[in-house]
Amino acid sequence: MNFQSWPLIAALALAFGANAQETQPVEMPRWEQLSPAQREALSTPLRERWNQAAYEQRLRWLRQAERWQHLSPEDRKAARKGLRAYRQADPQTREKLRDVFRNLRDASPEQRAVLREKWRSLSPEQRKQWLDAGGPGVAPPPEE
């Protein structure tokens, strides 16, 4: 994972607790434009996971879906970019990020806002230093 993707991943953690140029050879249809058969094929795997998921997991999915609906297009794009970066990260980095997500998920909205502002005030080097120490919600931020 490159150094420049850390800030976005951490910002996503702060916003969710994730502007890339995507190559799109053809424009994809919206959900409403899919045929009933296509919708069924795409939703069946989720339906099966939903039915097997514990109450807490279902509740988390519902809350995430609600938050997603209220994100701006720019924030959605940033979230997708952060998720791609996370998927491409090495196992150690992913474990660090999971720790940050867990800690930020338990933080109050006010605490997350404070951490978000602190994050934005730091240089890329300071952000990396903070993440290497454990990240927002785990380690104190570096001195400015």
Protein backbone atom coordinates (compact mmCIF):
# COMPACT_ATOMS: atom_id res chain seq x y z
CA MET A 1 0.00 0.00 0.00
CA ASN A 2 1.43 3.36 -0.84
CA PHE A 3 1.92 6.21 1.62
CA GLN A 4 -0.66 8.46 -0.03
CA SER A 5 -3.58 6.09 0.51
CA TRP A 6 -3.26 6.15 4.32
CA PRO A 7 -4.93 9.55 4.73
CA LEU A 8 -7.98 8.51 2.75
CA ILE A 9 -8.35 5.23 4.59
CA ALA A 10 -8.11 6.97 7.95
CA ALA A 11 -10.51 9.70 6.83
CA LEU A 12 -12.96 7.00 5.80
CA ALA A 13 -12.56 5.39 9.20
CA LEU A 14 -13.29 8.70 10.87
CA ALA A 15 -16.30 9.41 8.68
CA PHE A 16 -17.74 5.88 8.91
CA GLY A 17 -16.88 4.52 12.33
CA ALA A 18 -13.57 5.15 3.63
CA ASN A 19 -11.64 11.24 -5.78
CA ALA A 20 -10.47 8.29 -7.67
CA GLN A 21 -10.61 8.26 -11.43
CA GLU A 22 -12.33 5.02 -12.31
CA THR A 23 -12.06 3.48 -15.73
CA GLN A 24 -15.56 2.77 -16.91
CA PRO A 25 -15.68 1.23 -20.38
CA VAL A 26 -19.49 1.38 -20.54
CA GLU A 27 -22.06 3.16 -18.45
CA MET A 28 -23.71 0.78 -16.04
CA PRO A 29 -27.48 0.79 -15.60
CA ARG A 30 -29.07 2.00 -12.38
CA TRP A 31 -30.77 -0.62 -10.20
CA GLU A 32 -34.17 0.48 -11.47
CA GLN A 33 -33.07 -0.22 -15.04
CA LEU A 34 -32.14 -3.84 -14.33
CA SER A 35 -34.54 -6.56 -15.32
CA PRO A 36 -36.32 -8.46 -12.55
CA ALA A 37 -34.10 -11.49 -13.29
CA GLN A 38 -30.94 -9.39 -12.96
CA ARG A 39 -32.13 -7.89 -9.68
CA GLU A 40 -32.95 -11.35 -8.34
CA ALA A 41 -29.54 -12.76 -9.34
CA LEU A 42 -27.75 -9.86 -7.68
CA SER A 43 -29.80 -9.86 -4.49
CA THR A 44 -29.90 -13.62 -3.80
CA PRO A 45 -26.41 -13.85 -2.22
CA LEU A 46 -27.19 -10.94 0.09
CA ARG A 47 -30.55 -12.44 1.01
CA GLU A 48 -28.84 -15.68 2.03
CA ARG A 49 -26.24 -13.83 4.11
CA TRP A 50 -28.98 -11.69 5.66
CA ASN A 51 -31.01 -14.70 6.73
CA GLN A 52 -27.96 -16.32 8.36
CA ALA A 53 -26.61 -13.16 10.00
CA ALA A 54 -26.95 -12.43 13.69
CA TYR A 55 -29.18 -9.61 14.88
CA GLU A 56 -26.18 -7.29 15.49
CA GLN A 57 -24.87 -7.83 11.96
CA ARG A 58 -28.26 -7.09 10.40
CA LEU A 59 -28.58 -3.95 12.51
CA ARG A 60 -25.08 -2.83 11.44
CA TRP A 61 -25.97 -3.39 7.77
CA LEU A 62 -29.18 -1.40 8.12
CA ARG A 63 -27.35 1.49 9.78
CA GLN A 64 -24.66 1.45 7.11
CA ALA A 65 -27.28 1.50 4.37
CA GLU A 66 -28.96 4.47 6.05
CA ARG A 67 -25.65 6.37 6.31
CA TRP A 68 -24.81 5.54 2.68
CA GLN A 69 -28.08 7.07 1.49
CA HIS A 70 -27.17 10.35 3.16
CA LEU A 71 -23.62 10.58 1.76
CA SER A 72 -22.87 13.08 -0.97
CA PRO A 73 -21.63 11.69 -4.31
CA GLU A 74 -18.12 12.90 -3.44
CA ASP A 75 -18.21 11.11 -0.08
CA ARG A 76 -19.45 7.94 -1.75
CA LYS A 77 -16.61 8.13 -4.24
CA ALA A 78 -14.12 8.61 -1.39
CA ALA A 79 -15.63 5.67 0.49
CA ARG A 80 -15.26 3.43 -2.56
CA LYS A 81 -11.65 4.55 -3.00
CA GLY A 82 -10.91 3.84 0.66
CA LEU A 83 -12.46 0.39 0.39
CA ARG A 84 -10.36 -0.42 -2.68
CA ALA A 85 -7.22 0.74 -0.86
CA TYR A 86 -8.16 -1.38 2.15
CA ARG A 87 -8.63 -4.46 -0.02
CA GLN A 88 -5.20 -3.90 -1.57
CA ALA A 89 -3.46 -3.39 1.79
CA ASP A 90 -1.12 -5.97 3.28
CA PRO A 91 -2.45 -8.05 6.21
CA GLN A 92 -0.63 -6.01 8.89
CA THR A 93 -2.03 -2.75 7.58
CA ARG A 94 -5.51 -4.20 7.37
CA GLU A 95 -5.31 -5.33 10.99
CA LYS A 96 -4.26 -1.83 12.07
CA LEU A 97 -7.16 -0.35 10.14
CA ARG A 98 -9.63 -2.80 11.68
CA ASP A 99 -8.43 -1.66 15.11
CA VAL A 100 -8.99 1.98 14.15
CA PHE A 101 -12.47 1.19 12.78
CA ARG A 102 -13.44 -0.71 15.94
CA ASN A 103 -12.27 2.09 18.21
CA LEU A 104 -13.91 4.81 16.17
CA ARG A 105 -17.16 2.90 15.92
CA ASP A 106 -17.37 3.03 19.72
CA ALA A 107 -16.53 6.74 19.88
CA SER A 108 -19.27 9.33 20.24
CA PRO A 109 -20.07 11.57 17.26
CA GLU A 110 -18.45 14.45 19.13
CA GLN A 111 -15.25 12.45 19.69
CA ARG A 112 -15.15 11.47 16.01
CA ALA A 113 -15.59 15.12 15.00
CA VAL A 114 -12.66 16.15 17.19
CA LEU A 115 -10.48 13.38 15.76
CA ARG A 116 -11.52 14.29 12.20
CA GLU A 117 -10.51 17.93 12.72
CA LYS A 118 -7.22 16.90 14.27
CA TRP A 119 -6.58 14.56 11.31
CA ARG A 120 -7.22 17.33 8.81
CA SER A 121 -4.76 19.63 10.59
CA LEU A 122 -1.86 17.17 10.28
CA SER A 123 0.66 16.84 7.48
CA PRO A 124 0.85 13.54 5.56
CA GLU A 125 3.98 12.61 7.52
CA GLN A 126 2.24 13.28 10.84
CA ARG A 127 -0.76 11.24 9.72
CA LYS A 128 1.46 8.28 8.87
CA GLN A 129 3.23 8.64 12.21
CA TRP A 130 -0.13 8.59 14.01
CA LEU A 131 -1.30 5.54 12.09
CA ASP A 132 1.97 3.73 12.73
CA ALA A 133 1.46 4.39 16.45
CA GLY A 134 -2.03 2.89 16.34
CA GLY A 135 -4.13 5.56 14.69
CA PRO A 136 -7.12 7.69 15.70
CA GLY A 137 -8.99 6.26 18.64
CA VAL A 138 -5.99 4.11 19.60
CA ALA A 139 -2.96 6.35 20.02
CA PRO A 140 -2.74 10.05 20.82
CA PRO A 141 -2.09 12.27 17.79
CA PRO A 142 1.45 13.49 17.17
CA GLU A 143 2.41 16.99 18.19
CA GLU A 144 2.02 19.57 15.42
